[in-house]
C-alpha atoms as a PDB file:
ATOM      1  CA  UNK A   1      32.168 -57.411  19.750  1.00  0.00           C
ATOM      2  CA  UNK A   2      31.883 -54.170  21.401  1.00  0.00           C
ATOM      3  CA  UNK A   3      29.973 -52.464  18.627  1.00  0.00           C
ATOM      4  CA  UNK A   4      27.515 -55.534  18.704  1.00  0.00           C
ATOM      5  CA  UNK A   5      27.260 -55.263  22.438  1.00  0.00           C
ATOM      6  CA  UNK A   6      26.142 -51.437  22.105  1.00  0.00           C
ATOM      7  CA  UNK A   7      23.847 -52.153  19.250  1.00  0.00           C
ATOM      8  CA  UNK A   8      21.944 -54.878  21.048  1.00  0.00           C
ATOM      9  CA  UNK A   9      21.604 -52.760  24.157  1.00  0.00           C
ATOM     10  CA  UNK A  10      20.081 -49.943  21.948  1.00  0.00           C
ATOM     11  CA  UNK A  11      17.893 -52.408  20.324  1.00  0.00           C
ATOM     12  CA  UNK A  12      16.609 -53.502  23.740  1.00  0.00           C
ATOM     13  CA  UNK A  13      16.083 -49.857  24.809  1.00  0.00           C
ATOM     14  CA  UNK A  14      14.218 -48.786  21.655  1.00  0.00           C
ATOM     15  CA  UNK A  15      11.960 -51.881  22.022  1.00  0.00           C
ATOM     16  CA  UNK A  16      11.172 -50.890  25.645  1.00  0.00           C
ATOM     17  CA  UNK A  17      10.488 -47.377  24.382  1.00  0.00           C
ATOM     18  CA  UNK A  18       8.166 -48.654  21.644  1.00  0.00           C
ATOM     19  CA  UNK A  19       6.167 -50.615  24.151  1.00  0.00           C
ATOM     20  CA  UNK A  20       6.000 -47.710  26.452  1.00  0.00           C
ATOM     21  CA  UNK A  21       4.689 -45.445  23.599  1.00  0.00           C
ATOM     22  CA  UNK A  22       1.805 -47.911  22.909  1.00  0.00           C
ATOM     23  CA  UNK A  23       1.129 -48.007  26.517  1.00  0.00           C
ATOM     24  CA  UNK A  24       0.968 -44.344  26.897  1.00  0.00           C
ATOM     25  CA  UNK A  25      -1.237 -44.031  23.800  1.00  0.00           C
ATOM     26  CA  UNK A  26      -3.634 -46.529  25.294  1.00  0.00           C
ATOM     27  CA  UNK A  27      -3.666 -44.417  28.671  1.00  0.00           C
ATOM     28  CA  UNK A  28      -4.422 -41.367  26.752  1.00  0.00           C
ATOM     29  CA  UNK A  29      -7.198 -43.136  24.724  1.00  0.00           C
ATOM     30  CA  UNK A  30      -8.685 -44.748  27.744  1.00  0.00           C
ATOM     31  CA  UNK A  31      -8.784 -41.253  29.433  1.00  0.00           C
ATOM     32  CA  UNK A  32     -10.546 -39.738  26.471  1.00  0.00           C
ATOM     33  CA  UNK A  33     -12.967 -42.692  26.021  1.00  0.00           C
ATOM     34  CA  UNK A  34     -13.937 -42.197  29.715  1.00  0.00           C
ATOM     35  CA  UNK A  35     -14.557 -38.529  29.541  1.00  0.00           C
ATOM     36  CA  UNK A  36     -16.584 -38.613  26.222  1.00  0.00           C
ATOM     37  CA  UNK A  37     -18.074 -42.171  26.948  1.00  0.00           C
ATOM     38  CA  UNK A  38     -16.704 -43.025  23.490  1.00  0.00           C
ATOM     39  CA  UNK A  39     -17.079 -46.738  22.877  1.00  0.00           C
ATOM     40  CA  UNK A  40     -15.250 -46.810  19.590  1.00  0.00           C
ATOM     41  CA  UNK A  41     -12.197 -45.306  21.282  1.00  0.00           C
ATOM     42  CA  UNK A  42     -12.462 -47.800  24.086  1.00  0.00           C
ATOM     43  CA  UNK A  43     -12.490 -50.627  21.436  1.00  0.00           C
ATOM     44  CA  UNK A  44      -9.216 -49.209  20.062  1.00  0.00           C
ATOM     45  CA  UNK A  45      -7.524 -49.372  23.402  1.00  0.00           C
ATOM     46  CA  UNK A  46      -8.811 -53.154  23.648  1.00  0.00           C
ATOM     47  CA  UNK A  47      -7.530 -54.022  20.193  1.00  0.00           C
ATOM     48  CA  UNK A  48      -4.027 -52.481  20.815  1.00  0.00           C
ATOM     49  CA  UNK A  49      -3.359 -54.942  23.605  1.00  0.00           C
ATOM     50  CA  UNK A  50      -2.215 -57.645  21.476  1.00  0.00           C
ATOM     51  CA  UNK A  51       0.643 -55.528  20.095  1.00  0.00           C
ATOM     52  CA  UNK A  52       1.773 -54.587  23.680  1.00  0.00           C
ATOM     53  CA  UNK A  53       1.832 -58.174  24.645  1.00  0.00           C
ATOM     54  CA  UNK A  54       4.071 -59.032  21.464  1.00  0.00           C
ATOM     55  CA  UNK A  55       6.389 -56.394  22.488  1.00  0.00           C
ATOM     56  CA  UNK A  56       6.628 -57.669  26.084  1.00  0.00           C
ATOM     57  CA  UNK A  57       7.686 -61.174  24.684  1.00  0.00           C
ATOM     58  CA  UNK A  58      10.164 -59.530  22.389  1.00  0.00           C
ATOM     59  CA  UNK A  59      11.875 -57.554  25.256  1.00  0.00           C
ATOM     60  CA  UNK A  60      12.017 -60.743  27.242  1.00  0.00           C
ATOM     61  CA  UNK A  61      13.729 -62.613  24.254  1.00  0.00           C
ATOM     62  CA  UNK A  62      16.257 -59.723  23.500  1.00  0.00           C
ATOM     63  CA  UNK A  63      17.242 -59.521  27.102  1.00  0.00           C
ATOM     64  CA  UNK A  64      17.579 -63.252  27.682  1.00  0.00           C
ATOM     65  CA  UNK A  65      19.668 -63.505  24.544  1.00  0.00           C
ATOM     66  CA  UNK A  66      21.779 -60.546  25.364  1.00  0.00           C
ATOM     67  CA  UNK A  67      22.665 -62.067  28.805  1.00  0.00           C
ATOM     68  CA  UNK A  68      23.510 -65.244  27.362  1.00  0.00           C
ATOM     69  CA  UNK A  69      25.544 -63.943  24.349  1.00  0.00           C
ATOM     70  CA  UNK A  70      27.481 -61.226  26.291  1.00  0.00           C
ATOM     71  CA  UNK A  71      27.427 -62.204  30.041  1.00  0.00           C
ATOM     72  CA  UNK A  72      27.187 -58.462  31.082  1.00  0.00           C
ATOM     73  CA  UNK A  73      28.254 -57.282  34.576  1.00  0.00           C
ATOM     74  CA  UNK A  74      27.590 -54.555  37.005  1.00  0.00           C
ATOM     75  CA  UNK A  75      25.484 -51.500  35.347  1.00  0.00           C
ATOM     76  CA  UNK A  76      24.988 -53.293  31.946  1.00  0.00           C
ATOM     77  CA  UNK A  77      23.605 -56.369  33.860  1.00  0.00           C
ATOM     78  CA  UNK A  78      21.265 -54.309  35.856  1.00  0.00           C
ATOM     79  CA  UNK A  79      19.948 -52.371  33.025  1.00  0.00           C
ATOM     80  CA  UNK A  80      19.060 -55.768  31.198  1.00  0.00           C
ATOM     81  CA  UNK A  81      17.672 -57.173  34.400  1.00  0.00           C
ATOM     82  CA  UNK A  82      15.366 -53.984  34.824  1.00  0.00           C
ATOM     83  CA  UNK A  83      14.541 -54.224  31.207  1.00  0.00           C
ATOM     84  CA  UNK A  84      13.055 -57.765  31.938  1.00  0.00           C
ATOM     85  CA  UNK A  85      11.016 -56.332  34.851  1.00  0.00           C
ATOM     86  CA  UNK A  86       9.945 -53.264  32.983  1.00  0.00           C
ATOM     87  CA  UNK A  87       8.184 -55.526  30.300  1.00  0.00           C
ATOM     88  CA  UNK A  88       5.754 -57.058  32.613  1.00  0.00           C
ATOM     89  CA  UNK A  89       4.947 -53.743  34.466  1.00  0.00           C
ATOM     90  CA  UNK A  90       4.151 -52.004  31.097  1.00  0.00           C
ATOM     91  CA  UNK A  91       1.982 -54.874  30.113  1.00  0.00           C
ATOM     92  CA  UNK A  92       0.051 -54.652  33.412  1.00  0.00           C
ATOM     93  CA  UNK A  93      -0.471 -50.924  32.888  1.00  0.00           C
ATOM     94  CA  UNK A  94      -1.766 -51.667  29.427  1.00  0.00           C
ATOM     95  CA  UNK A  95      -4.067 -54.243  30.782  1.00  0.00           C
ATOM     96  CA  UNK A  96      -5.532 -51.795  33.309  1.00  0.00           C
ATOM     97  CA  UNK A  97      -6.118 -49.402  30.470  1.00  0.00           C
ATOM     98  CA  UNK A  98      -8.035 -52.111  28.768  1.00  0.00           C
ATOM     99  CA  UNK A  99      -9.971 -52.733  32.056  1.00  0.00           C
ATOM    100  CA  UNK A 100     -10.913 -49.036  32.044  1.00  0.00           C
ATOM    101  CA  UNK A 101     -12.192 -49.312  28.296  1.00  0.00           C
ATOM    102  CA  UNK A 102     -14.228 -52.478  29.238  1.00  0.00           C
ATOM    103  CA  UNK A 103     -15.979 -50.363  31.890  1.00  0.00           C
ATOM    104  CA  UNK A 104     -16.352 -47.494  29.405  1.00  0.00           C
ATOM    105  CA  UNK A 105     -18.284 -49.901  27.170  1.00  0.00           C
ATOM    106  CA  UNK A 106     -20.709 -50.723  30.111  1.00  0.00           C
ATOM    107  CA  UNK A 107     -21.083 -47.176  31.428  1.00  0.00           C
ATOM    108  CA  UNK A 108     -21.861 -45.861  27.960  1.00  0.00           C
ATOM    109  CA  UNK A 109     -25.086 -47.686  27.928  1.00  0.00           C
ATOM    110  CA  UNK A 110     -26.515 -45.738  30.742  1.00  0.00           C
ATOM    111  CA  UNK A 111     -26.614 -42.060  31.878  1.00  0.00           C
ATOM    112  CA  UNK A 112     -23.752 -41.184  33.972  1.00  0.00           C
ATOM    113  CA  UNK A 113     -24.249 -41.312  37.723  1.00  0.00           C
ATOM    114  CA  UNK A 114     -22.182 -38.082  38.288  1.00  0.00           C
ATOM    115  CA  UNK A 115     -20.034 -35.530  36.390  1.00  0.00           C
ATOM    116  CA  UNK A 116     -16.582 -37.182  36.004  1.00  0.00           C
ATOM    117  CA  UNK A 117     -14.095 -34.825  37.543  1.00  0.00           C
ATOM    118  CA  UNK A 118     -11.916 -36.895  40.076  1.00  0.00           C
ATOM    119  CA  UNK A 119     -11.529 -40.049  37.893  1.00  0.00           C
ATOM    120  CA  UNK A 120     -10.082 -37.963  34.665  1.00  0.00           C
ATOM    121  CA  UNK A 121      -7.621 -36.220  37.182  1.00  0.00           C
ATOM    122  CA  UNK A 122      -6.592 -39.476  38.725  1.00  0.00           C
ATOM    123  CA  UNK A 123      -5.920 -41.067  35.254  1.00  0.00           C
ATOM    124  CA  UNK A 124      -4.068 -37.947  34.323  1.00  0.00           C
ATOM    125  CA  UNK A 125      -1.772 -38.139  37.363  1.00  0.00           C
ATOM    126  CA  UNK A 126      -1.183 -41.913  36.688  1.00  0.00           C
ATOM    127  CA  UNK A 127      -0.472 -41.418  33.028  1.00  0.00           C
ATOM    128  CA  UNK A 128       2.162 -38.604  34.063  1.00  0.00           C
ATOM    129  CA  UNK A 129       3.700 -40.889  36.541  1.00  0.00           C
ATOM    130  CA  UNK A 130       4.182 -43.580  33.822  1.00  0.00           C
ATOM    131  CA  UNK A 131       5.574 -41.196  31.385  1.00  0.00           C
ATOM    132  CA  UNK A 132       8.015 -39.734  33.947  1.00  0.00           C
ATOM    133  CA  UNK A 133       9.122 -43.089  35.063  1.00  0.00           C
ATOM    134  CA  UNK A 134      10.006 -44.152  31.507  1.00  0.00           C
ATOM    135  CA  UNK A 135      11.925 -40.828  31.034  1.00  0.00           C
ATOM    136  CA  UNK A 136      13.792 -41.585  34.376  1.00  0.00           C
ATOM    137  CA  UNK A 137      14.701 -45.134  33.171  1.00  0.00           C
ATOM    138  CA  UNK A 138      16.144 -43.788  29.789  1.00  0.00           C
ATOM    139  CA  UNK A 139      18.061 -41.064  31.570  1.00  0.00           C
ATOM    140  CA  UNK A 140      18.982 -43.338  34.549  1.00  0.00           C
ATOM    141  CA  UNK A 141      17.750 -40.519  36.793  1.00  0.00           C
ATOM    142  CA  UNK A 142      17.141 -41.761  40.409  1.00  0.00           C
ATOM    143  CA  UNK A 143      16.139 -38.279  41.646  1.00  0.00           C
ATOM    144  CA  UNK A 144      13.155 -38.076  39.255  1.00  0.00           C
ATOM    145  CA  UNK A 145      12.336 -41.774  40.145  1.00  0.00           C
ATOM    146  CA  UNK A 146      12.166 -41.101  43.896  1.00  0.00           C
ATOM    147  CA  UNK A 147       9.855 -38.162  43.154  1.00  0.00           C
ATOM    148  CA  UNK A 148       7.515 -40.382  41.193  1.00  0.00           C
ATOM    149  CA  UNK A 149       7.329 -42.567  44.206  1.00  0.00           C
ATOM    150  CA  UNK A 150       6.207 -39.791  46.389  1.00  0.00           C
ATOM    151  CA  UNK A 151       3.519 -38.931  43.810  1.00  0.00           C
ATOM    152  CA  UNK A 152       1.636 -42.099  44.275  1.00  0.00           C
ATOM    153  CA  UNK A 153       0.243 -40.826  47.577  1.00  0.00           C
ATOM    154  CA  UNK A 154      -1.787 -38.134  45.667  1.00  0.00           C
ATOM    155  CA  UNK A 155      -3.425 -40.805  43.542  1.00  0.00           C
ATOM    156  CA  UNK A 156      -4.243 -42.889  46.508  1.00  0.00           C
ATOM    157  CA  UNK A 157      -5.888 -40.015  48.239  1.00  0.00           C
ATOM    158  CA  UNK A 158      -8.122 -39.435  45.191  1.00  0.00           C
ATOM    159  CA  UNK A 159      -8.952 -42.995  45.223  1.00  0.00           C
ATOM    160  CA  UNK A 160     -10.317 -43.015  48.650  1.00  0.00           C
ATOM    161  CA  UNK A 161     -12.061 -39.755  48.109  1.00  0.00           C
ATOM    162  CA  UNK A 162     -13.831 -41.217  44.975  1.00  0.00           C
ATOM    163  CA  UNK A 163     -14.510 -44.459  46.925  1.00  0.00           C
ATOM    164  CA  UNK A 164     -16.245 -42.759  49.725  1.00  0.00           C
ATOM    165  CA  UNK A 165     -18.283 -40.620  47.534  1.00  0.00           C
ATOM    166  CA  UNK A 166     -19.619 -43.499  45.443  1.00  0.00           C
ATOM    167  CA  UNK A 167     -20.197 -45.559  48.548  1.00  0.00           C
ATOM    168  CA  UNK A 168     -22.642 -42.770  49.733  1.00  0.00           C
ATOM    169  CA  UNK A 169     -24.391 -42.674  46.325  1.00  0.00           C
ATOM    170  CA  UNK A 170     -25.014 -46.575  46.748  1.00  0.00           C
ATOM    171  CA  UNK A 171     -26.316 -46.237  50.163  1.00  0.00           C
ATOM    172  CA  UNK A 172     -28.723 -43.383  49.456  1.00  0.00           C
ATOM    173  CA  UNK A 173     -29.949 -44.811  46.143  1.00  0.00           C
ATOM    174  CA  UNK A 174     -29.683 -48.588  45.481  1.00  0.00           C
ATOM    175  CA  UNK A 175     -30.592 -48.138  41.872  1.00  0.00           C
ATOM    176  CA  UNK A 176     -27.165 -46.496  41.471  1.00  0.00           C
ATOM    177  CA  UNK A 177     -25.269 -49.507  42.579  1.00  0.00           C
ATOM    178  CA  UNK A 178     -24.316 -50.858  39.290  1.00  0.00           C
ATOM    179  CA  UNK A 179     -23.134 -47.600  37.820  1.00  0.00           C
ATOM    180  CA  UNK A 180     -21.363 -46.781  41.127  1.00  0.00           C
ATOM    181  CA  UNK A 181     -19.529 -50.080  41.162  1.00  0.00           C
ATOM    182  CA  UNK A 182     -18.247 -49.553  37.574  1.00  0.00           C
ATOM    183  CA  UNK A 183     -16.902 -46.146  38.512  1.00  0.00           C
ATOM    184  CA  UNK A 184     -15.187 -47.723  41.633  1.00  0.00           C
ATOM    185  CA  UNK A 185     -13.583 -50.365  39.443  1.00  0.00           C
ATOM    186  CA  UNK A 186     -12.260 -47.681  37.167  1.00  0.00           C
ATOM    187  CA  UNK A 187     -10.743 -45.922  40.153  1.00  0.00           C
ATOM    188  CA  UNK A 188      -9.184 -49.111  41.302  1.00  0.00           C
ATOM    189  CA  UNK A 189      -7.698 -49.711  37.828  1.00  0.00           C
ATOM    190  CA  UNK A 190      -6.107 -46.236  37.813  1.00  0.00           C
ATOM    191  CA  UNK A 191      -4.776 -46.660  41.380  1.00  0.00           C
ATOM    192  CA  UNK A 192      -3.018 -49.743  40.194  1.00  0.00           C
ATOM    193  CA  UNK A 193      -1.572 -47.912  37.131  1.00  0.00           C
ATOM    194  CA  UNK A 194      -0.011 -45.618  39.563  1.00  0.00           C
ATOM    195  CA  UNK A 195       1.313 -48.417  41.669  1.00  0.00           C
ATOM    196  CA  UNK A 196       2.828 -49.983  38.577  1.00  0.00           C
ATOM    197  CA  UNK A 197       4.576 -46.561  37.655  1.00  0.00           C
ATOM    198  CA  UNK A 198       5.801 -46.583  41.240  1.00  0.00           C
ATOM    199  CA  UNK A 199       7.327 -50.045  40.543  1.00  0.00           C
ATOM    200  CA  UNK A 200       9.184 -48.741  37.434  1.00  0.00           C
ATOM    201  CA  UNK A 201      10.507 -45.902  39.410  1.00  0.00           C
ATOM    202  CA  UNK A 202      11.912 -48.192  42.084  1.00  0.00           C
ATOM    203  CA  UNK A 203      13.589 -50.317  39.545  1.00  0.00           C
ATOM    204  CA  UNK A 204      15.225 -47.180  38.114  1.00  0.00           C
ATOM    205  CA  UNK A 205      16.760 -46.364  41.616  1.00  0.00           C
ATOM    206  CA  UNK A 206      18.042 -50.037  41.663  1.00  0.00           C
ATOM    207  CA  UNK A 207      19.448 -49.706  38.116  1.00  0.00           C
ATOM    208  CA  UNK A 208      21.552 -46.494  39.034  1.00  0.00           C
ATOM    209  CA  UNK A 209      22.276 -47.136  42.646  1.00  0.00           C
ATOM    210  CA  UNK A 210      22.448 -50.846  42.825  1.00  0.00           C
ATOM    211  CA  UNK A 211      20.249 -50.767  46.018  1.00  0.00           C
ATOM    212  CA  UNK A 212      16.828 -52.441  45.892  1.00  0.00           C
ATOM    213  CA  UNK A 213      14.218 -50.267  47.541  1.00  0.00           C
ATOM    214  CA  UNK A 214      11.052 -52.110  46.565  1.00  0.00           C
ATOM    215  CA  UNK A 215       8.877 -52.676  49.612  1.00  0.00           C
ATOM    216  CA  UNK A 216      11.006 -50.545  51.903  1.00  0.00           C
ATOM    217  CA  UNK A 217       8.251 -47.839  52.112  1.00  0.00           C
ATOM    218  CA  UNK A 218       5.308 -50.123  51.810  1.00  0.00           C
ATOM    219  CA  UNK A 219       2.534 -49.922  54.399  1.00  0.00           C
ATOM    220  CA  UNK A 220      -0.924 -51.299  54.216  1.00  0.00           C
ATOM    221  CA  UNK A 221      -3.031 -48.666  52.132  1.00  0.00           C
ATOM    222  CA  UNK A 222      -6.084 -47.390  54.281  1.00  0.00           C
ATOM    223  CA  UNK A 223      -8.435 -44.570  53.795  1.00  0.00           C
ATOM    224  CA  UNK A 224      -7.262 -41.464  55.414  1.00  0.00           C
ATOM    225  CA  UNK A 225      -8.933 -40.754  58.718  1.00  0.00           C
ATOM    226  CA  UNK A 226     -11.660 -38.130  58.786  1.00  0.00           C
ATOM    227  CA  UNK A 227     -11.125 -34.982  61.038  1.00  0.00           C
END
């Protein structure tokens, strides 16, 4: 029974890693599609979403059956509970990568409003947060997880910087509104990806320390005050 217990835990972990790998690939492809305005690559991100959804359902099935079969306790129970929570977080990250891809399809039809500098930087930061959060989960590393949570502020700062800049474009040139809104939406999707990476990191802290920290540091997000 102990061998079956360990094998099923490992199967659950490997399924999470498989899903995370697909999600990271979608983030990388969405970033490349955005920079290159590559509609074909954007379509690949959209098409991959069905497989991500399938793996989310599989994680939920494996975790639920594991609990019913083995009735785990303490750290093992937390590991499975966190696995159940990670599936939807990863699925939402993939959905936001798809949302970016949909905006690329629209943006590619028109000249870019401005050179893309901050948006790719934001997406690289968010992608790194996702990757590091999964590594922290596998390694059960709450120190790394807490560092990921702190990094979310950098993405938020960039988001408001992009928002203010694009708002200025729209006020000065009404013909830019449609393209500016597309870029603001992209920034919002990226900001949400960073939030979801933060959620994963919070679950890692719970997994290891058995202390829920979600919402403990939450404050309403506001644009930084100008000097």
